[in-house]
Amino acid sequence: MFDVGETLVDETREYGTWADWLGVPRHTFSTVFGAVIATGRDYREAFQAFKPGFELSRERQARVEAGEAETYGEDDLYPDARPALGKLREMGVWVGVVGNQTVRSGRILRSLELPTDFVATSDDWVVSKPALEFFVRVVEVAPCDTEEIVYVGDRIDNDIAPAKAVGMRTAHIQRGPWGWILRDTEEVANLPDWRIKGLSELTDIVAAENG
């Protein structure tokens, strides 16, 4: 089961357009965003730095109404995303995608017709990571035992830790702000079952585990 942002989708464009929406240089926004992550704070505090009182869902709706809704497409997928998903399915592995995404994002994901067996979002389920209920839903939809599920994500707090807490195995991918900034932490070193730098590594892991 795959996370979406910074696991399958490169969010460079998304955060760039948020900088534009807030009226600040993209480099400045990225720097503040990274500093917030590095100090262990909620990433939404980066938005507060530029617009006190910022509320993400309200601002998302404002962007929709202004004709500047968040979006992404095939060009925003990491180059290894589609090939890795396809290869896993060729190997007989059930492949799912679910992350903290809006209903709009879910429609985009489905329109991309990725080689997957299942796609859902937190808005679809009305529960968001890192709530354990989210990961219980993952277990419910996967056609296998809990310990046979591998949740792949870039964040320890939102992905790896809660997935482990419900009994899944995990693969932490070093990509995106969280993956790079927090790569040398004790949690990243010790909590995931596997640490990867690209999704193509998963096919070798599956082959080895399944003999």
Protein backbone atom coordinates (compact mmCIF):
# COMPACT_ATOMS: atom_id res chain seq x y z
CA MET A 1 0.00 0.00 0.00
CA PHE A 2 1.46 3.32 -1.11
CA ASP A 3 1.27 6.82 0.29
CA VAL A 4 0.72 9.52 -2.35
CA GLY A 5 2.59 12.78 -1.72
CA GLU A 6 6.38 12.45 -2.01
CA THR A 7 6.03 8.69 -2.43
CA LEU A 8 4.32 8.51 -5.83
CA VAL A 9 3.79 12.21 -6.55
CA ASP A 10 6.48 14.88 -6.57
CA GLU A 11 4.82 17.81 -4.79
CA THR A 12 7.20 20.49 -6.07
CA ARG A 13 4.48 22.06 -8.21
CA GLU A 14 1.90 21.91 -5.42
CA TYR A 15 4.03 23.75 -2.88
CA GLY A 16 5.21 26.18 -5.52
CA THR A 17 1.64 27.19 -6.25
CA TRP A 18 0.99 27.60 -2.53
CA ALA A 19 3.89 30.03 -2.38
CA ASP A 20 2.36 31.92 -5.30
CA TRP A 21 -1.03 31.94 -3.57
CA LEU A 22 0.54 33.37 -0.41
CA GLY A 23 2.46 35.95 -2.43
CA VAL A 24 5.94 34.93 -1.34
CA PRO A 25 8.96 33.75 -3.35
CA ARG A 26 8.99 30.00 -3.85
CA HIS A 27 12.50 29.67 -2.45
CA THR A 28 11.47 31.53 0.70
CA PHE A 29 8.44 29.32 1.21
CA SER A 30 10.51 26.16 0.69
CA THR A 31 13.11 27.35 3.20
CA VAL A 32 10.54 28.08 5.89
CA PHE A 33 8.74 24.81 5.14
CA GLY A 34 11.97 22.85 5.63
CA ALA A 35 12.80 24.70 8.83
CA VAL A 36 9.39 23.82 10.28
CA ILE A 37 9.89 20.13 9.49
CA ALA A 38 13.44 20.12 10.86
CA THR A 39 12.23 21.42 14.21
CA GLY A 40 9.52 18.76 14.49
CA ARG A 41 6.55 21.08 14.12
CA ASP A 42 3.39 20.55 12.09
CA TYR A 43 4.08 21.51 8.47
CA ARG A 44 1.02 23.76 8.43
CA GLU A 45 2.91 26.17 10.65
CA ALA A 46 4.88 27.13 7.55
CA PHE A 47 1.71 28.61 6.08
CA GLN A 48 1.00 30.43 9.34
CA ALA A 49 4.37 32.17 9.07
CA PHE A 50 3.14 34.00 5.99
CA LYS A 51 -0.55 34.23 6.78
CA PRO A 52 -1.52 34.05 10.47
CA GLY A 53 -4.83 32.29 10.89
CA PHE A 54 -4.29 30.24 7.73
CA GLU A 55 -6.70 27.29 7.59
CA LEU A 56 -5.84 24.72 4.94
CA SER A 57 -9.31 23.49 3.94
CA ARG A 58 -10.66 27.04 3.73
CA GLU A 59 -7.75 28.18 1.58
CA ARG A 60 -8.11 25.14 -0.67
CA GLN A 61 -11.72 26.09 -1.31
CA ALA A 62 -10.72 29.71 -1.94
CA ARG A 63 -8.27 28.51 -4.57
CA VAL A 64 -10.98 26.45 -6.24
CA GLU A 65 -13.29 29.46 -6.34
CA ALA A 66 -10.47 31.59 -7.79
CA GLY A 67 -9.83 29.06 -10.54
CA GLU A 68 -6.45 28.12 -9.04
CA ALA A 69 -7.25 24.73 -7.54
CA GLU A 70 -4.42 22.42 -6.55
CA THR A 71 -3.70 19.91 -9.27
CA TYR A 72 -1.13 17.45 -10.56
CA GLY A 73 -0.77 15.05 -13.47
CA GLU A 74 1.38 12.46 -15.16
CA ASP A 75 4.38 14.81 -15.27
CA ASP A 76 4.27 15.13 -11.48
CA LEU A 77 4.64 11.42 -10.84
CA TYR A 78 8.10 10.33 -9.78
CA PRO A 79 9.70 8.57 -12.77
CA ASP A 80 9.84 5.25 -10.93
CA ALA A 81 6.21 5.30 -9.75
CA ARG A 82 4.34 3.82 -12.70
CA PRO A 83 7.05 1.26 -13.61
CA ALA A 84 7.37 0.04 -10.01
CA LEU A 85 3.63 -0.35 -9.50
CA GLY A 86 3.34 -2.18 -12.81
CA LYS A 87 6.19 -4.54 -12.02
CA LEU A 88 4.74 -5.42 -8.64
CA ARG A 89 1.42 -6.32 -10.21
CA GLU A 90 3.21 -8.43 -12.80
CA MET A 91 4.73 -10.30 -9.86
CA GLY A 92 1.24 -11.04 -8.54
CA VAL A 93 1.31 -8.46 -5.75
CA TRP A 94 -1.93 -6.64 -4.84
CA VAL A 95 -1.19 -2.90 -5.11
CA GLY A 96 -3.12 -0.16 -3.35
CA VAL A 97 -2.75 3.61 -3.01
CA VAL A 98 -4.17 5.61 -0.12
CA GLY A 99 -2.97 8.80 1.55
CA ASN A 100 -4.03 12.07 3.12
CA GLN A 101 -5.62 13.53 0.02
CA THR A 102 -8.77 15.39 -0.95
CA VAL A 103 -11.68 14.02 -2.96
CA ARG A 104 -10.35 16.12 -5.85
CA SER A 105 -6.96 14.44 -5.55
CA GLY A 106 -8.66 11.05 -5.54
CA ARG A 107 -10.33 11.86 -8.85
CA ILE A 108 -6.96 12.88 -10.30
CA LEU A 109 -5.32 9.68 -9.07
CA ARG A 110 -8.01 7.54 -10.65
CA SER A 111 -7.82 9.49 -13.92
CA LEU A 112 -4.11 8.64 -14.17
CA GLU A 113 -5.05 4.96 -14.42
CA LEU A 114 -2.04 3.78 -12.47
CA PRO A 115 -1.45 0.01 -12.41
CA THR A 116 -3.19 -0.49 -9.06
CA ASP A 117 -5.93 -2.64 -7.58
CA PHE A 118 -7.24 -0.02 -5.16
CA VAL A 119 -7.22 3.78 -4.76
CA ALA A 120 -8.72 5.78 -1.89
CA THR A 121 -8.10 9.01 0.02
CA SER A 122 -8.50 10.21 3.58
CA ASP A 123 -11.44 12.34 2.45
CA ASP A 124 -13.09 9.23 0.99
CA TRP A 125 -12.70 7.49 4.35
CA VAL A 126 -13.37 10.59 6.49
CA VAL A 127 -10.31 9.78 8.59
CA SER A 128 -6.77 11.04 8.14
CA LYS A 129 -3.29 9.83 8.97
CA PRO A 130 -1.79 9.38 11.49
CA ALA A 131 -5.03 8.20 13.13
CA LEU A 132 -4.86 4.46 13.72
CA GLU A 133 -8.39 4.18 12.31
CA PHE A 134 -6.95 5.08 8.92
CA PHE A 135 -4.56 2.15 9.04
CA VAL A 136 -7.25 -0.18 10.33
CA ARG A 137 -9.15 0.68 7.14
CA VAL A 138 -6.06 -0.24 5.14
CA VAL A 139 -6.07 -3.66 6.80
CA GLU A 140 -9.78 -4.05 6.06
CA VAL A 141 -9.47 -3.39 2.32
CA ALA A 142 -6.29 -5.38 1.69
CA PRO A 143 -6.94 -9.01 0.65
CA CYS A 144 -4.34 -10.50 2.98
CA ASP A 145 -3.27 -10.73 6.58
CA THR A 146 -2.05 -7.60 8.32
CA GLU A 147 1.57 -8.73 8.52
CA GLU A 148 1.59 -9.33 4.77
CA ILE A 149 0.88 -5.65 4.04
CA VAL A 150 3.80 -3.31 3.39
CA TYR A 151 2.94 0.37 3.77
CA VAL A 152 5.32 2.57 1.77
CA GLY A 153 5.74 6.22 2.76
CA ASP A 154 8.15 9.10 3.26
CA ARG A 155 7.15 10.08 6.80
CA ILE A 156 7.76 8.34 10.11
CA ASP A 157 5.01 10.16 12.00
CA ASN A 158 2.26 9.88 9.38
CA ASP A 159 3.18 6.63 7.67
CA ILE A 160 5.68 4.28 9.26
CA ALA A 161 4.90 4.56 12.99
CA PRO A 162 1.11 4.17 12.78
CA ALA A 163 1.34 1.41 10.16
CA LYS A 164 3.70 -0.51 12.44
CA ALA A 165 1.36 0.10 15.36
CA VAL A 166 -1.44 -1.87 13.70
CA GLY A 167 0.89 -4.70 12.67
CA MET A 168 1.90 -3.88 9.11
CA ARG A 169 5.40 -4.02 7.72
CA THR A 170 6.81 -0.80 6.35
CA ALA A 171 9.20 0.66 3.80
CA HIS A 172 10.47 4.20 4.34
CA ILE A 173 11.44 6.05 1.17
CA GLN A 174 14.03 8.80 1.35
CA ARG A 175 12.42 11.41 -0.83
CA GLY A 176 10.69 14.72 -0.32
CA PRO A 177 11.26 17.18 2.56
CA TRP A 178 10.54 14.71 5.38
CA GLY A 179 12.52 11.91 3.79
CA TRP A 180 15.65 14.00 3.37
CA ILE A 181 15.56 16.32 6.37
CA LEU A 182 14.85 13.55 8.89
CA ARG A 183 16.86 10.77 7.22
CA ASP A 184 19.47 10.53 10.01
CA THR A 185 17.06 10.31 12.93
CA GLU A 186 16.92 7.32 15.24
CA GLU A 187 13.33 6.61 14.19
CA VAL A 188 14.24 6.35 10.52
CA ALA A 189 17.17 4.11 11.39
CA ASN A 190 15.24 1.71 13.60
CA LEU A 191 11.50 1.71 12.90
CA PRO A 192 10.94 0.75 9.23
CA ASP A 193 11.41 -2.82 8.07
CA TRP A 194 13.18 -1.47 5.00
CA ARG A 195 14.74 1.84 3.96
CA ILE A 196 14.70 2.59 0.25
CA LYS A 197 15.71 5.46 -1.99
CA GLY A 198 13.59 4.46 -4.96
CA LEU A 199 10.42 2.48 -5.58
CA SER A 200 12.17 0.09 -7.95
CA GLU A 201 13.92 -1.42 -4.92
CA LEU A 202 10.61 -2.89 -3.79
CA THR A 203 10.56 -5.56 -6.48
CA ASP A 204 13.82 -7.03 -5.18
CA ILE A 205 12.50 -6.89 -1.61
CA VAL A 206 9.31 -8.73 -2.59
CA ALA A 207 11.25 -11.33 -4.57
CA ALA A 208 13.58 -11.98 -1.64
CA GLU A 209 10.80 -12.14 0.95
CA ASN A 210 8.64 -14.45 -1.16
CA GLY A 211 11.50 -16.70 -2.15
